Amino acid sequence: MYGNYVDTNAAAEAMLEADKYFTSKSLAEKLNITAKKASGLLYNIRTTNKYETIETPLPNREVKVISIKGSKISRNKLWDLALNLKTHI
């Protein structure tokens, strides 16, 4: 789905839309990237004020994105709603 180049925002959008917790491994599988790249993306998401997250403690930390810039709805879901592809979110 995503492939070689995935930026932090794209990863956060995918996590927000999925509405679940992710580890480096599970995010790597979802985005078709390496676990090392996914680990870096999760670090960026956890430490940037733009993203609001819920995190489990180490070891085996899991991260869930609950909002991006205050929005609790992903861009894809907003577009679906705007284009009347879905009647509710």
Protein backbone atom coordinates (compact mmCIF):
# COMPACT_ATOMS: atom_id res chain seq x y z
CA MET A 1 0.00 0.00 0.00
CA TYR A 2 2.64 2.57 1.00
CA GLY A 3 5.99 1.13 -0.11
CA ASN A 4 9.48 2.58 0.01
CA TYR A 5 8.88 6.19 1.05
CA VAL A 6 6.62 6.81 4.00
CA ASP A 7 6.87 10.05 5.95
CA THR A 8 5.85 10.55 9.55
CA ASN A 9 2.54 12.18 8.70
CA ALA A 10 1.51 9.36 6.34
CA ALA A 11 2.32 6.81 9.04
CA ALA A 12 0.36 8.77 11.65
CA GLU A 13 -2.63 9.08 9.27
CA ALA A 14 -2.59 5.31 8.69
CA MET A 15 -2.42 4.70 12.44
CA LEU A 16 -5.24 7.14 13.17
CA GLU A 17 -7.44 5.56 10.52
CA ALA A 18 -6.74 2.04 11.81
CA ASP A 19 -7.69 3.13 15.36
CA LYS A 20 -5.46 0.57 17.06
CA TYR A 21 -2.13 0.19 18.82
CA PHE A 22 1.01 -0.45 16.77
CA THR A 23 4.46 -1.82 17.49
CA SER A 24 7.38 -1.28 15.14
CA LYS A 25 6.73 -4.71 13.68
CA SER A 26 2.99 -4.25 13.14
CA LEU A 27 3.45 -0.77 11.64
CA ALA A 28 6.16 -2.11 9.33
CA GLU A 29 3.80 -4.82 8.11
CA LYS A 30 0.94 -2.37 7.58
CA LEU A 31 3.05 0.13 5.64
CA ASN A 32 5.29 -2.41 3.87
CA ILE A 33 8.49 -0.89 5.27
CA THR A 34 11.32 -2.18 7.46
CA ALA A 35 10.88 -2.45 11.23
CA LYS A 36 13.84 -0.08 11.64
CA LYS A 37 12.08 2.59 9.55
CA ALA A 38 8.83 1.97 11.46
CA SER A 39 10.66 2.36 14.76
CA GLY A 40 11.95 5.77 13.64
CA LEU A 41 8.48 6.83 12.54
CA LEU A 42 6.99 5.77 15.88
CA TYR A 43 9.67 7.77 17.70
CA ASN A 44 8.86 10.86 15.60
CA ILE A 45 5.14 10.42 16.22
CA ARG A 46 5.62 10.00 19.98
CA THR A 47 7.90 13.02 20.37
CA THR A 48 6.26 15.57 18.07
CA ASN A 49 3.58 17.87 19.51
CA LYS A 50 1.57 17.60 16.29
CA TYR A 51 0.45 14.08 17.21
CA GLU A 52 -1.45 13.02 20.31
CA THR A 53 -0.74 9.44 21.27
CA ILE A 54 -1.40 6.81 23.88
CA GLU A 55 1.62 4.64 24.66
CA THR A 56 2.18 1.47 26.62
CA PRO A 57 5.35 1.20 28.72
CA LEU A 58 8.57 -0.50 27.63
CA PRO A 59 9.39 -3.25 26.84
CA ASN A 60 7.19 -4.01 23.84
CA ARG A 61 5.86 -0.47 23.63
CA GLU A 62 2.72 0.01 21.59
CA VAL A 63 1.58 3.38 20.26
CA LYS A 64 -1.88 4.54 19.23
CA VAL A 65 -2.45 7.86 17.46
CA ILE A 66 -5.60 9.53 18.77
CA SER A 67 -5.33 12.87 16.97
CA ILE A 68 -3.28 14.79 14.43
CA LYS A 69 -3.18 18.57 14.93
CA GLY A 70 -6.25 18.18 17.15
CA SER A 71 -8.28 16.23 14.57
CA LYS A 72 -9.47 12.82 15.70
CA ILE A 73 -10.55 11.86 12.17
CA SER A 74 -8.12 10.85 9.41
CA ARG A 75 -7.94 12.81 6.16
CA ASN A 76 -9.22 9.80 4.20
CA LYS A 77 -12.33 9.59 6.35
CA LEU A 78 -12.89 13.34 6.04
CA TRP A 79 -12.65 13.11 2.25
CA ASP A 80 -15.08 10.18 2.21
CA LEU A 81 -17.51 12.24 4.26
CA ALA A 82 -17.04 15.35 2.10
CA LEU A 83 -17.61 13.38 -1.09
CA ASN A 84 -20.61 11.59 0.39
CA LEU A 85 -18.90 8.23 0.03
CA LYS A 86 -19.88 7.47 3.60
CA THR A 87 -22.78 8.91 5.52
CA HIS A 88 -21.12 8.75 8.93
CA ILE A 89 -17.72 8.23 10.49
